[in-house]
């Protein structure tokens, strides 16, 4: 593991630059400020989504430039939220949670609940904060490098800017230097105790499935479905989005399940079901989905 990278220093400089506005600027002015930051970001570095030109125009009426400016806007607002959480007043957004009945029904079955959280901007914090405020205790499976850096400097000094805040609202189960096995044992123990665990729907895992999605290919790890089916838990897709008027909403969708006998077939079936739900949200909130441009980048163009 490297000690530090130039990106760490760039991220540190950015966070220090954003601290004053995160603490002092009223939240009602954030959107205008972050829109400006997003515009400057893209004008300086150029849009990264040129290969999306025809896809975006056909499906969303967007250009790559429009998409990335809005994506950066969301990203900067997310950073401001984390930094405001470190202030004495904390960040106090309005978060609406829909579909709690699916969690309650899963817990009534007595075998725990697996939340499969889709990677939209703000979802890391908003889904945890919203569920916590709604009265749920969530155990979240996380990587040591969660927060943006996998260097020793980043893990010690940068990542906690995010992880220390998230730990206010969930029990974080970390896959660390000792491998995945200890974290997975703890996760399974939580399910046996009829608790709620959450896993982010990403592309990295022991088994992955690739499926066509919006003119490209979506690569998705099957960890969430595997954990749920192995332990008999309910698997619930979760989506955290922002409305046009700036309100935060967390949607818990109905459980995904398959009648296929072979585990591999069941996982593929569940991924296909998830993709149908995911497409609804991406079509409604295209710029907030990390799949196009974010570090999770688990969608790729086939053109």
C-alpha atoms as a PDB file:
ATOM      1  CA  UNK A   1       0.000   0.000   0.000  1.00  0.00           C
ATOM      2  CA  UNK A   2       1.407   3.368  -1.018  1.00  0.00           C
ATOM      3  CA  UNK A   3       1.878   6.081   1.575  1.00  0.00           C
ATOM      4  CA  UNK A   4       0.389   8.940  -0.439  1.00  0.00           C
ATOM      5  CA  UNK A   5      -0.550   9.889  -3.998  1.00  0.00           C
ATOM      6  CA  UNK A   6      -0.826  13.239  -5.741  1.00  0.00           C
ATOM      7  CA  UNK A   7      -4.602  12.720  -5.855  1.00  0.00           C
ATOM      8  CA  UNK A   8      -4.645  12.645  -2.038  1.00  0.00           C
ATOM      9  CA  UNK A   9      -3.059  16.089  -1.938  1.00  0.00           C
ATOM     10  CA  UNK A  10      -5.510  17.386  -4.538  1.00  0.00           C
ATOM     11  CA  UNK A  11      -8.455  16.002  -2.537  1.00  0.00           C
ATOM     12  CA  UNK A  12      -7.093  17.521   0.666  1.00  0.00           C
ATOM     13  CA  UNK A  13      -6.731  20.926  -0.993  1.00  0.00           C
ATOM     14  CA  UNK A  14     -10.299  20.706  -2.307  1.00  0.00           C
ATOM     15  CA  UNK A  15     -11.741  19.789   1.083  1.00  0.00           C
ATOM     16  CA  UNK A  16      -9.890  22.619   2.794  1.00  0.00           C
ATOM     17  CA  UNK A  17     -11.165  25.037   0.142  1.00  0.00           C
ATOM     18  CA  UNK A  18     -14.767  23.867   0.627  1.00  0.00           C
ATOM     19  CA  UNK A  19     -14.787  23.937   4.434  1.00  0.00           C
ATOM     20  CA  UNK A  20     -15.671  27.663   4.780  1.00  0.00           C
ATOM     21  CA  UNK A  21     -18.664  27.471   2.432  1.00  0.00           C
ATOM     22  CA  UNK A  22     -19.831  24.164   3.962  1.00  0.00           C
ATOM     23  CA  UNK A  23     -19.879  25.664   7.452  1.00  0.00           C
ATOM     24  CA  UNK A  24     -20.915  29.250   6.740  1.00  0.00           C
ATOM     25  CA  UNK A  25     -23.004  29.308   3.561  1.00  0.00           C
ATOM     26  CA  UNK A  26     -26.749  28.709   4.179  1.00  0.00           C
ATOM     27  CA  UNK A  27     -27.843  25.488   2.512  1.00  0.00           C
ATOM     28  CA  UNK A  28     -30.434  27.296   0.402  1.00  0.00           C
ATOM     29  CA  UNK A  29     -27.492  28.833  -1.503  1.00  0.00           C
ATOM     30  CA  UNK A  30     -25.556  25.598  -1.984  1.00  0.00           C
ATOM     31  CA  UNK A  31     -27.096  24.684  -5.311  1.00  0.00           C
ATOM     32  CA  UNK A  32     -26.098  27.939  -6.994  1.00  0.00           C
ATOM     33  CA  UNK A  33     -22.558  27.636  -5.600  1.00  0.00           C
ATOM     34  CA  UNK A  34     -22.078  23.963  -6.528  1.00  0.00           C
ATOM     35  CA  UNK A  35     -23.531  24.523  -9.997  1.00  0.00           C
ATOM     36  CA  UNK A  36     -20.842  27.150 -10.525  1.00  0.00           C
ATOM     37  CA  UNK A  37     -18.165  24.767  -9.188  1.00  0.00           C
ATOM     38  CA  UNK A  38     -19.395  22.013 -11.490  1.00  0.00           C
ATOM     39  CA  UNK A  39     -19.264  24.318 -14.489  1.00  0.00           C
ATOM     40  CA  UNK A  40     -15.720  25.451 -13.657  1.00  0.00           C
ATOM     41  CA  UNK A  41     -14.632  21.842 -13.045  1.00  0.00           C
ATOM     42  CA  UNK A  42     -15.816  20.664 -16.445  1.00  0.00           C
ATOM     43  CA  UNK A  43     -14.597  23.728 -18.317  1.00  0.00           C
ATOM     44  CA  UNK A  44     -11.105  23.264 -16.871  1.00  0.00           C
ATOM     45  CA  UNK A  45     -10.818  19.491 -17.242  1.00  0.00           C
ATOM     46  CA  UNK A  46     -13.228  18.825 -20.104  1.00  0.00           C
ATOM     47  CA  UNK A  47     -16.161  16.388 -20.137  1.00  0.00           C
ATOM     48  CA  UNK A  48     -15.268  12.709 -19.729  1.00  0.00           C
ATOM     49  CA  UNK A  49     -18.456  11.321 -21.238  1.00  0.00           C
ATOM     50  CA  UNK A  50     -17.971  12.050 -24.941  1.00  0.00           C
ATOM     51  CA  UNK A  51     -18.760   8.415 -25.830  1.00  0.00           C
ATOM     52  CA  UNK A  52     -22.251   8.968 -24.393  1.00  0.00           C
ATOM     53  CA  UNK A  53     -23.223  11.584 -26.985  1.00  0.00           C
ATOM     54  CA  UNK A  54     -25.871   9.658 -28.960  1.00  0.00           C
ATOM     55  CA  UNK A  55     -27.064   7.644 -25.955  1.00  0.00           C
ATOM     56  CA  UNK A  56     -27.686  10.732 -23.810  1.00  0.00           C
ATOM     57  CA  UNK A  57     -29.383  12.650 -26.608  1.00  0.00           C
ATOM     58  CA  UNK A  58     -31.671   9.720 -27.465  1.00  0.00           C
ATOM     59  CA  UNK A  59     -32.634   8.651 -23.943  1.00  0.00           C
ATOM     60  CA  UNK A  60     -32.378  11.782 -21.820  1.00  0.00           C
ATOM     61  CA  UNK A  61     -32.153  14.815 -24.084  1.00  0.00           C
ATOM     62  CA  UNK A  62     -28.759  15.606 -22.533  1.00  0.00           C
ATOM     63  CA  UNK A  63     -25.308  16.279 -23.918  1.00  0.00           C
ATOM     64  CA  UNK A  64     -22.175  14.862 -22.241  1.00  0.00           C
ATOM     65  CA  UNK A  65     -21.361  18.410 -21.127  1.00  0.00           C
ATOM     66  CA  UNK A  66     -24.791  18.870 -19.494  1.00  0.00           C
ATOM     67  CA  UNK A  67     -24.549  15.491 -17.787  1.00  0.00           C
ATOM     68  CA  UNK A  68     -21.116  16.075 -16.318  1.00  0.00           C
ATOM     69  CA  UNK A  69     -21.827  19.607 -15.105  1.00  0.00           C
ATOM     70  CA  UNK A  70     -24.882  18.313 -13.245  1.00  0.00           C
ATOM     71  CA  UNK A  71     -22.937  15.282 -11.994  1.00  0.00           C
ATOM     72  CA  UNK A  72     -20.210  17.544 -10.578  1.00  0.00           C
ATOM     73  CA  UNK A  73     -22.882  19.805  -9.100  1.00  0.00           C
ATOM     74  CA  UNK A  74     -24.333  16.828  -7.182  1.00  0.00           C
ATOM     75  CA  UNK A  75     -20.833  15.702  -6.183  1.00  0.00           C
ATOM     76  CA  UNK A  76     -19.879  19.084  -4.720  1.00  0.00           C
ATOM     77  CA  UNK A  77     -23.167  19.272  -2.820  1.00  0.00           C
ATOM     78  CA  UNK A  78     -22.438  15.842  -1.388  1.00  0.00           C
ATOM     79  CA  UNK A  79     -19.023  17.038  -0.189  1.00  0.00           C
ATOM     80  CA  UNK A  80     -20.594  20.112   1.414  1.00  0.00           C
ATOM     81  CA  UNK A  81     -23.038  17.855   3.261  1.00  0.00           C
ATOM     82  CA  UNK A  82     -20.238  15.718   4.727  1.00  0.00           C
ATOM     83  CA  UNK A  83     -18.262  18.795   5.749  1.00  0.00           C
ATOM     84  CA  UNK A  84     -21.333  20.458   7.310  1.00  0.00           C
ATOM     85  CA  UNK A  85     -21.823  17.290   9.372  1.00  0.00           C
ATOM     86  CA  UNK A  86     -18.481  18.092  11.051  1.00  0.00           C
ATOM     87  CA  UNK A  87     -19.759  21.510  12.154  1.00  0.00           C
ATOM     88  CA  UNK A  88     -21.462  22.079  15.534  1.00  0.00           C
ATOM     89  CA  UNK A  89     -24.814  22.561  13.787  1.00  0.00           C
ATOM     90  CA  UNK A  90     -24.437  19.448  11.602  1.00  0.00           C
ATOM     91  CA  UNK A  91     -26.284  18.874   8.318  1.00  0.00           C
ATOM     92  CA  UNK A  92     -30.062  18.755   8.743  1.00  0.00           C
ATOM     93  CA  UNK A  93     -31.690  17.905   5.422  1.00  0.00           C
ATOM     94  CA  UNK A  94     -35.291  16.916   4.874  1.00  0.00           C
ATOM     95  CA  UNK A  95     -35.182  13.170   4.098  1.00  0.00           C
ATOM     96  CA  UNK A  96     -38.321  11.248   3.166  1.00  0.00           C
ATOM     97  CA  UNK A  97     -38.182   7.449   3.411  1.00  0.00           C
ATOM     98  CA  UNK A  98     -40.616   5.377   1.347  1.00  0.00           C
ATOM     99  CA  UNK A  99     -41.211   1.619   1.488  1.00  0.00           C
ATOM    100  CA  UNK A 100     -40.437   1.018   5.157  1.00  0.00           C
ATOM    101  CA  UNK A 101     -43.136  -1.665   5.073  1.00  0.00           C
ATOM    102  CA  UNK A 102     -40.778  -3.884   3.076  1.00  0.00           C
ATOM    103  CA  UNK A 103     -38.139  -3.699   5.816  1.00  0.00           C
ATOM    104  CA  UNK A 104     -40.730  -4.397   8.500  1.00  0.00           C
ATOM    105  CA  UNK A 105     -42.126  -7.370   6.558  1.00  0.00           C
ATOM    106  CA  UNK A 106     -38.623  -8.786   6.106  1.00  0.00           C
ATOM    107  CA  UNK A 107     -37.867  -8.493   9.811  1.00  0.00           C
ATOM    108  CA  UNK A 108     -41.163 -10.180  10.669  1.00  0.00           C
ATOM    109  CA  UNK A 109     -39.918 -13.252   8.768  1.00  0.00           C
ATOM    110  CA  UNK A 110     -37.109 -13.462  11.336  1.00  0.00           C
ATOM    111  CA  UNK A 111     -34.186 -14.002   8.956  1.00  0.00           C
ATOM    112  CA  UNK A 112     -32.891 -10.486   8.546  1.00  0.00           C
ATOM    113  CA  UNK A 113     -32.925  -7.976   5.708  1.00  0.00           C
ATOM    114  CA  UNK A 114     -30.280  -7.160   3.087  1.00  0.00           C
ATOM    115  CA  UNK A 115     -30.500  -3.651   1.635  1.00  0.00           C
ATOM    116  CA  UNK A 116     -28.906  -3.504  -1.826  1.00  0.00           C
ATOM    117  CA  UNK A 117     -28.046   0.181  -2.122  1.00  0.00           C
ATOM    118  CA  UNK A 118     -27.640   1.626  -5.606  1.00  0.00           C
ATOM    119  CA  UNK A 119     -24.677   4.015  -6.093  1.00  0.00           C
ATOM    120  CA  UNK A 120     -26.292   7.381  -6.654  1.00  0.00           C
ATOM    121  CA  UNK A 121     -24.584  10.561  -5.503  1.00  0.00           C
ATOM    122  CA  UNK A 122     -25.579  11.325  -1.878  1.00  0.00           C
ATOM    123  CA  UNK A 123     -26.721   7.705  -1.322  1.00  0.00           C
ATOM    124  CA  UNK A 124     -23.795   6.795   0.979  1.00  0.00           C
ATOM    125  CA  UNK A 125     -24.835   9.385   3.525  1.00  0.00           C
ATOM    126  CA  UNK A 126     -28.523  10.017   2.830  1.00  0.00           C
ATOM    127  CA  UNK A 127     -29.645   6.377   2.887  1.00  0.00           C
ATOM    128  CA  UNK A 128     -27.865   5.769   6.210  1.00  0.00           C
ATOM    129  CA  UNK A 129     -29.031   9.029   7.782  1.00  0.00           C
ATOM    130  CA  UNK A 130     -32.601   8.613   6.544  1.00  0.00           C
ATOM    131  CA  UNK A 131     -32.950   5.044   7.807  1.00  0.00           C
ATOM    132  CA  UNK A 132     -31.319   5.946  11.123  1.00  0.00           C
ATOM    133  CA  UNK A 133     -33.726   8.837  11.627  1.00  0.00           C
ATOM    134  CA  UNK A 134     -36.613   6.498  10.741  1.00  0.00           C
ATOM    135  CA  UNK A 135     -35.566   4.255  13.632  1.00  0.00           C
ATOM    136  CA  UNK A 136     -33.627   1.490  11.874  1.00  0.00           C
ATOM    137  CA  UNK A 137     -30.221   0.162  12.914  1.00  0.00           C
ATOM    138  CA  UNK A 138     -28.233  -0.778   9.815  1.00  0.00           C
ATOM    139  CA  UNK A 139     -24.978  -2.762   9.604  1.00  0.00           C
ATOM    140  CA  UNK A 140     -23.164  -1.668   6.445  1.00  0.00           C
ATOM    141  CA  UNK A 141     -20.512  -3.722   4.642  1.00  0.00           C
ATOM    142  CA  UNK A 142     -17.685  -1.373   3.684  1.00  0.00           C
ATOM    143  CA  UNK A 143     -14.179  -1.442   2.246  1.00  0.00           C
ATOM    144  CA  UNK A 144     -11.077  -0.071   3.966  1.00  0.00           C
ATOM    145  CA  UNK A 145     -10.666   2.393   1.097  1.00  0.00           C
ATOM    146  CA  UNK A 146     -14.221   3.703   1.318  1.00  0.00           C
ATOM    147  CA  UNK A 147     -14.109   7.456   1.229  1.00  0.00           C
ATOM    148  CA  UNK A 148     -11.981   7.791  -1.870  1.00  0.00           C
ATOM    149  CA  UNK A 149      -8.405   6.751  -1.065  1.00  0.00           C
ATOM    150  CA  UNK A 150      -6.600   3.433  -0.666  1.00  0.00           C
ATOM    151  CA  UNK A 151      -3.268   4.896   0.467  1.00  0.00           C
ATOM    152  CA  UNK A 152      -2.092   4.913   4.084  1.00  0.00           C
ATOM    153  CA  UNK A 153      -2.372   8.703   4.236  1.00  0.00           C
ATOM    154  CA  UNK A 154      -5.836   8.715   2.693  1.00  0.00           C
ATOM    155  CA  UNK A 155      -7.189   5.941   4.905  1.00  0.00           C
ATOM    156  CA  UNK A 156      -5.933   7.674   8.037  1.00  0.00           C
ATOM    157  CA  UNK A 157      -6.705  11.322   7.278  1.00  0.00           C
ATOM    158  CA  UNK A 158      -9.011  11.716   4.259  1.00  0.00           C
ATOM    159  CA  UNK A 159     -11.470   8.828   4.338  1.00  0.00           C
ATOM    160  CA  UNK A 160     -12.590   9.539   7.941  1.00  0.00           C
ATOM    161  CA  UNK A 161     -14.076  12.838   6.736  1.00  0.00           C
ATOM    162  CA  UNK A 162     -16.787  10.613   5.280  1.00  0.00           C
ATOM    163  CA  UNK A 163     -16.608   7.406   7.292  1.00  0.00           C
ATOM    164  CA  UNK A 164     -16.720   9.042  10.738  1.00  0.00           C
ATOM    165  CA  UNK A 165     -19.944  10.768   9.719  1.00  0.00           C
ATOM    166  CA  UNK A 166     -21.504   7.608   8.265  1.00  0.00           C
ATOM    167  CA  UNK A 167     -20.646   5.748  11.473  1.00  0.00           C
ATOM    168  CA  UNK A 168     -23.012   8.078  13.321  1.00  0.00           C
ATOM    169  CA  UNK A 169     -25.865   6.504  11.400  1.00  0.00           C
ATOM    170  CA  UNK A 170     -24.811   2.865  10.898  1.00  0.00           C
ATOM    171  CA  UNK A 171     -22.588   0.111  12.230  1.00  0.00           C
ATOM    172  CA  UNK A 172     -19.779  -0.100   9.666  1.00  0.00           C
ATOM    173  CA  UNK A 173     -18.391  -3.596   9.050  1.00  0.00           C
ATOM    174  CA  UNK A 174     -15.037  -3.110   7.327  1.00  0.00           C
ATOM    175  CA  UNK A 175     -13.307  -5.499   4.961  1.00  0.00           C
ATOM    176  CA  UNK A 176      -9.746  -4.693   6.018  1.00  0.00           C
ATOM    177  CA  UNK A 177      -6.238  -6.024   5.633  1.00  0.00           C
ATOM    178  CA  UNK A 178      -7.301  -9.356   7.119  1.00  0.00           C
ATOM    179  CA  UNK A 179      -9.431 -10.098   4.055  1.00  0.00           C
ATOM    180  CA  UNK A 180     -13.171 -10.402   3.590  1.00  0.00           C
ATOM    181  CA  UNK A 181     -13.811 -13.466   5.748  1.00  0.00           C
ATOM    182  CA  UNK A 182     -14.018 -11.752   9.197  1.00  0.00           C
ATOM    183  CA  UNK A 183     -16.355  -9.070   7.840  1.00  0.00           C
ATOM    184  CA  UNK A 184     -18.561 -11.645   6.133  1.00  0.00           C
ATOM    185  CA  UNK A 185     -18.810 -13.712   9.331  1.00  0.00           C
ATOM    186  CA  UNK A 186     -19.940 -10.634  11.220  1.00  0.00           C
ATOM    187  CA  UNK A 187     -22.446  -9.780   8.498  1.00  0.00           C
ATOM    188  CA  UNK A 188     -23.921 -13.280   8.580  1.00  0.00           C
ATOM    189  CA  UNK A 189     -24.095 -13.093  12.372  1.00  0.00           C
ATOM    190  CA  UNK A 190     -26.168  -9.917  12.035  1.00  0.00           C
ATOM    191  CA  UNK A 191     -28.610 -11.675   9.709  1.00  0.00           C
ATOM    192  CA  UNK A 192     -28.897 -14.653  12.055  1.00  0.00           C
ATOM    193  CA  UNK A 193     -29.814 -12.123  14.720  1.00  0.00           C
ATOM    194  CA  UNK A 194     -32.594 -10.818  12.439  1.00  0.00           C
ATOM    195  CA  UNK A 195     -30.868  -7.494  11.843  1.00  0.00           C
ATOM    196  CA  UNK A 196     -30.572  -5.202   8.821  1.00  0.00           C
ATOM    197  CA  UNK A 197     -27.413  -5.213   6.727  1.00  0.00           C
ATOM    198  CA  UNK A 198     -26.645  -3.094   3.686  1.00  0.00           C
ATOM    199  CA  UNK A 199     -24.391  -3.743   0.704  1.00  0.00           C
ATOM    200  CA  UNK A 200     -23.641  -1.329  -2.124  1.00  0.00           C
ATOM    201  CA  UNK A 201     -24.521  -2.607  -5.599  1.00  0.00           C
ATOM    202  CA  UNK A 202     -21.143  -2.327  -7.323  1.00  0.00           C
ATOM    203  CA  UNK A 203     -18.982  -4.155  -9.843  1.00  0.00           C
ATOM    204  CA  UNK A 204     -16.357  -5.705  -7.543  1.00  0.00           C
ATOM    205  CA  UNK A 205     -16.860  -9.142  -6.047  1.00  0.00           C
ATOM    206  CA  UNK A 206     -16.085 -12.828  -6.211  1.00  0.00           C
ATOM    207  CA  UNK A 207     -18.821 -13.390  -8.794  1.00  0.00           C
ATOM    208  CA  UNK A 208     -20.077 -10.795 -11.277  1.00  0.00           C
ATOM    209  CA  UNK A 209     -22.817 -10.709 -13.896  1.00  0.00           C
ATOM    210  CA  UNK A 210     -22.810  -8.584 -17.036  1.00  0.00           C
ATOM    211  CA  UNK A 211     -26.082  -7.506 -18.625  1.00  0.00           C
ATOM    212  CA  UNK A 212     -27.114  -5.027 -21.353  1.00  0.00           C
ATOM    213  CA  UNK A 213     -28.176  -1.707 -19.867  1.00  0.00           C
ATOM    214  CA  UNK A 214     -29.079   1.566 -21.611  1.00  0.00           C
ATOM    215  CA  UNK A 215     -26.995   1.054 -24.717  1.00  0.00           C
ATOM    216  CA  UNK A 216     -24.023  -0.395 -22.865  1.00  0.00           C
ATOM    217  CA  UNK A 217     -23.072  -3.180 -20.469  1.00  0.00           C
ATOM    218  CA  UNK A 218     -23.637  -3.180 -16.714  1.00  0.00           C
ATOM    219  CA  UNK A 219     -21.189  -5.217 -14.622  1.00  0.00           C
ATOM    220  CA  UNK A 220     -22.609  -6.079 -11.217  1.00  0.00           C
ATOM    221  CA  UNK A 221     -21.269  -8.176  -8.344  1.00  0.00           C
ATOM    222  CA  UNK A 222     -23.725 -10.712  -6.976  1.00  0.00           C
ATOM    223  CA  UNK A 223     -22.686 -10.336  -3.341  1.00  0.00           C
ATOM    224  CA  UNK A 224     -25.996  -8.848  -2.211  1.00  0.00           C
ATOM    225  CA  UNK A 225     -28.187 -11.573  -3.742  1.00  0.00           C
ATOM    226  CA  UNK A 226     -25.790 -14.293  -2.591  1.00  0.00           C
ATOM    227  CA  UNK A 227     -25.757 -13.111   1.027  1.00  0.00           C
ATOM    228  CA  UNK A 228     -29.544 -12.793   1.071  1.00  0.00           C
ATOM    229  CA  UNK A 229     -30.349 -16.154  -0.552  1.00  0.00           C
ATOM    230  CA  UNK A 230     -27.768 -18.098   1.471  1.00  0.00           C
ATOM    231  CA  UNK A 231     -29.261 -16.837   4.728  1.00  0.00           C
ATOM    232  CA  UNK A 232     -32.914 -16.683   3.710  1.00  0.00           C
ATOM    233  CA  UNK A 233     -33.012 -12.902   4.154  1.00  0.00           C
ATOM    234  CA  UNK A 234     -35.149 -10.445   2.195  1.00  0.00           C
ATOM    235  CA  UNK A 235     -33.214  -8.564  -0.508  1.00  0.00           C
ATOM    236  CA  UNK A 236     -34.465  -5.000  -0.945  1.00  0.00           C
ATOM    237  CA  UNK A 237     -33.112  -2.554  -3.563  1.00  0.00           C
ATOM    238  CA  UNK A 238     -32.558   0.939  -2.117  1.00  0.00           C
ATOM    239  CA  UNK A 239     -32.321   4.207  -4.046  1.00  0.00           C
ATOM    240  CA  UNK A 240     -31.484   7.623  -2.579  1.00  0.00           C
ATOM    241  CA  UNK A 241     -32.275  10.555  -4.890  1.00  0.00           C
ATOM    242  CA  UNK A 242     -32.738  14.328  -4.842  1.00  0.00           C
ATOM    243  CA  UNK A 243     -35.903  15.979  -6.145  1.00  0.00           C
ATOM    244  CA  UNK A 244     -35.891  19.088  -8.331  1.00  0.00           C
ATOM    245  CA  UNK A 245     -36.679  21.223  -5.274  1.00  0.00           C
ATOM    246  CA  UNK A 246     -33.688  19.810  -3.371  1.00  0.00           C
ATOM    247  CA  UNK A 247     -35.463  17.349  -1.083  1.00  0.00           C
ATOM    248  CA  UNK A 248     -33.823  14.003  -0.369  1.00  0.00           C
ATOM    249  CA  UNK A 249     -35.800  10.808  -0.803  1.00  0.00           C
ATOM    250  CA  UNK A 250     -34.933   7.199   0.041  1.00  0.00           C
ATOM    251  CA  UNK A 251     -36.944   4.484  -1.708  1.00  0.00           C
ATOM    252  CA  UNK A 252     -36.973   0.898  -0.448  1.00  0.00           C
ATOM    253  CA  UNK A 253     -38.277  -1.283  -3.271  1.00  0.00           C
ATOM    254  CA  UNK A 254     -40.131  -4.612  -2.893  1.00  0.00           C
ATOM    255  CA  UNK A 255     -37.982  -7.709  -2.345  1.00  0.00           C
ATOM    256  CA  UNK A 256     -36.171  -9.414  -5.209  1.00  0.00           C
ATOM    257  CA  UNK A 257     -36.353 -13.202  -5.315  1.00  0.00           C
ATOM    258  CA  UNK A 258     -35.897 -16.096  -7.718  1.00  0.00           C
ATOM    259  CA  UNK A 259     -37.322 -19.617  -7.934  1.00  0.00           C
ATOM    260  CA  UNK A 260     -34.272 -20.923  -9.814  1.00  0.00           C
ATOM    261  CA  UNK A 261     -32.662 -23.922  -8.129  1.00  0.00           C
ATOM    262  CA  UNK A 262     -29.018 -23.304  -9.068  1.00  0.00           C
ATOM    263  CA  UNK A 263     -27.471 -20.362  -7.130  1.00  0.00           C
ATOM    264  CA  UNK A 264     -25.823 -18.972 -10.275  1.00  0.00           C
ATOM    265  CA  UNK A 265     -29.153 -18.949 -12.134  1.00  0.00           C
ATOM    266  CA  UNK A 266     -30.929 -17.347  -9.183  1.00  0.00           C
ATOM    267  CA  UNK A 267     -28.322 -14.589  -8.970  1.00  0.00           C
ATOM    268  CA  UNK A 268     -28.610 -13.858 -12.693  1.00  0.00           C
ATOM    269  CA  UNK A 269     -32.389 -13.755 -12.397  1.00  0.00           C
ATOM    270  CA  UNK A 270     -32.210 -11.330  -9.461  1.00  0.00           C
ATOM    271  CA  UNK A 271     -29.718  -9.089 -11.279  1.00  0.00           C
ATOM    272  CA  UNK A 272     -32.120  -8.939 -14.240  1.00  0.00           C
ATOM    273  CA  UNK A 273     -34.940  -7.893 -11.895  1.00  0.00           C
ATOM    274  CA  UNK A 274     -32.716  -5.275 -10.262  1.00  0.00           C
ATOM    275  CA  UNK A 275     -31.741  -3.796 -13.620  1.00  0.00           C
ATOM    276  CA  UNK A 276     -35.398  -3.225 -14.478  1.00  0.00           C
ATOM    277  CA  UNK A 277     -35.829  -1.214 -11.275  1.00  0.00           C
ATOM    278  CA  UNK A 278     -32.502   0.582 -11.709  1.00  0.00           C
ATOM    279  CA  UNK A 279     -33.440   1.776 -15.184  1.00  0.00           C
ATOM    280  CA  UNK A 280     -36.508   3.569 -13.781  1.00  0.00           C
ATOM    281  CA  UNK A 281     -34.363   5.585 -11.406  1.00  0.00           C
ATOM    282  CA  UNK A 282     -31.543   6.285 -13.849  1.00  0.00           C
ATOM    283  CA  UNK A 283     -34.016   7.574 -16.436  1.00  0.00           C
ATOM    284  CA  UNK A 284     -35.494   9.929 -13.847  1.00  0.00           C
ATOM    285  CA  UNK A 285     -32.157  10.982 -12.275  1.00  0.00           C
ATOM    286  CA  UNK A 286     -29.485  10.346 -14.941  1.00  0.00           C
ATOM    287  CA  UNK A 287     -26.879  12.816 -13.684  1.00  0.00           C
ATOM    288  CA  UNK A 288     -26.948  11.503 -10.110  1.00  0.00           C
ATOM    289  CA  UNK A 289     -26.042   7.922 -11.060  1.00  0.00           C
ATOM    290  CA  UNK A 290     -22.376   7.095 -10.474  1.00  0.00           C
ATOM    291  CA  UNK A 291     -22.363   4.471 -13.211  1.00  0.00           C
ATOM    292  CA  UNK A 292     -21.555   6.908 -16.019  1.00  0.00           C
ATOM    293  CA  UNK A 293     -18.687   8.886 -14.528  1.00  0.00           C
ATOM    294  CA  UNK A 294     -18.093   8.004 -10.907  1.00  0.00           C
ATOM    295  CA  UNK A 295     -15.346   5.914  -9.367  1.00  0.00           C
ATOM    296  CA  UNK A 296     -17.781   2.984  -9.248  1.00  0.00           C
ATOM    297  CA  UNK A 297     -17.965   3.216 -13.082  1.00  0.00           C
ATOM    298  CA  UNK A 298     -19.561  -0.195 -13.550  1.00  0.00           C
ATOM    299  CA  UNK A 299     -21.268   0.709 -16.822  1.00  0.00           C
ATOM    300  CA  UNK A 300     -19.343   0.725 -20.081  1.00  0.00           C
ATOM    301  CA  UNK A 301     -20.281   1.686 -23.593  1.00  0.00           C
ATOM    302  CA  UNK A 302     -20.287  -0.971 -26.312  1.00  0.00           C
ATOM    303  CA  UNK A 303     -19.791   1.549 -29.138  1.00  0.00           C
END
